[in-house]
Amino acid sequence: AVGHMAERPSNLYEAQQQRRMAKKEMIKPLLGDECEIHNYSLQKITVGILGTGDFARSLATRLVCSGYDVIVGSRYPKCNESLFPSAIEVTSQREATNRANIIFVAMHHEHYSTLNKLRDGLMGKILVDVSNNVEVNEREESNAERLASMFPESTIVKGFNVISAWALQSGARDGSKQVMICSNSQEARCMVVEIARNMGFIPLDLGLLSSAKEIENLPLRLFPSWKMPIILTVVLFVLFYVYSFIRKVIHPYVMKGQNVFYKIPIDVVNVALPCVSFVMLSLVYLPGVLAALFQLRNGTKYKRFPCWLDQWLQQRKQLGLLSFLCAALHAVYSLCLPMRRSARYQLLNAASALSRGDKKNIWVEEEVWRMEIYLFFGILAIGMLSLLAVTSLPSVANSLNWREFNFIQSRLGFTALVVSTLHVLTFGWRKAFDSTQYKFYLPPTFAITLIVPCIVLPAKAYLFLPCVNRKLKRIRRGWETGHQAKFHEPGEGSSVAHFSVESTSRV
């Protein structure tokens, strides 16, 4: 005991020293100034770059600042020498390939044929292809695979094509931090991964060179996960806009001869936007309900969902953000309604009629309360949607644990749907039962928007029933209908003796 007591102060002192050292390391910046050389234990290798474009200059500067010796190969070294910092040596392509251990090929794939004259210097070297295509799946083989077929004596690595010259200049503080890397040589991949890590990026090893085509397609895809949500939003907006245009503009013109086409840019748009936002918010939570019903019907969570439902579940974030966008635009449009000249004229006409004594009192208690409640639920809904949109940002979501994130996106999001439904119902009030609201026998717009929420809300309430919710939780924890696993405490050898391997589930 005395010996242990004697060792404890030393252990405590060492632990405190380690904590202080770790804290000092954490407060150090990831990257320093342009010409700062870090004291990393880097392998003393010379990195060559073939090319003198913007990307090549940014890459060379970043490599030098990360502690590497860089030599740039150019067809016109004297003309391009002034484009690079003094710490970077600019020489001919042949000399650069002869002296460098790892060579970055920073040129377009159309110029690969110019490297044939450097074949002797490239033999046995690691070539890092950083090129991109103009279109997705432009050719059957990737640029890296083409380079590998042209120089079979060299080791080809695909990487650094998903980051821009600006990201290389500003560092990992701006732009993307991930660098996808693939190669048929594990040793070459490890070396390039170490280079990317020393430069302050996050390398992702994607395996063999066959992944190069997918890596080259990544920078060319324009919002791939946003395509269907955006199309759905545009289609819903067009449908609701045309529907509102018929009811609010065409009907008065045909039935009463009133020219109200001035409502097209503001009034009609402000009717379509909340309808799209409300329906899109409902579509965020409808796939979760369908997934729960599928699991209850199948009695297991290990059966795949249909492809359409699986894709729908993955795009709920995009649907929610587009719903928030439409709701925010609706709020802005609503605030601008009193600023229109037409609204001022209508207000002056009402004041003139009141002054002439046509109307003694225009105060309607029921309408006052309806509008107050309607605005209350609207402000509350837009506030909840704002919170949902903010927490969906990666920087905010990463600061939350899973329970906090799930509470905001699921519980609070469902509450936002309920509040939005109350907002729509208070807007409609008694209009659904008023025959004058059915223009051309078409129901009011708000009545159509309630179709999807009236499916989601009762289904969600059904899933909240204790008997259903208990069964759903058991399924999501691994329980399966018709399958049983027998558990025994350690030491119960006599009760386990009669079990065979085939009839026993191992957990």
Foldseek 3Di string as FASTA:
>chain_A
DVVVVVCVVVVVVVVVVVVVVVVVVVPDDLFDDQQAEDPDPDDAFEEEEEDQDLLSQLVQSLLNSLHYAYEYAYCDQVVRVVVHDPSYHYDHPLVRLQRGQEYEYPDELVCLVVCPVNLVSQAAHEYEYQYADDAQCPDVDDSQVVSCVVRVRHWYKYKPNQFDSVCSNVDCVDDAQEMEMETQDPVSRVVVCVSSVSSPGHYDYPYHPRCNSVVNCVNVDDPPLQPVLVVVLVVQLVVQLVVLCCQPAVLCCVPPVDHPVVCNPQVSSLRSLLLSLLLLLLLLQVLVLVLLVVCVVQQAPPDDDPPVSVSSNVNSLSSLVSSLVSLVVSVVSVVCVCVDPVNVVVVVVVVVCCVVVVDVDPDDPLVVVLVVLLVVLSVVLSVLSVVLNVCVDPVNVVVDDPVVNCCSNPVSSVVSSVSSLVNLCSVCPCVQVDPVCQRVPNGDSSVVSCPSVVVSVVSVVVCPPVVNVVSSVCNVVGGGPPDDADDDDPPPCVVCVPDDPVRHDDD
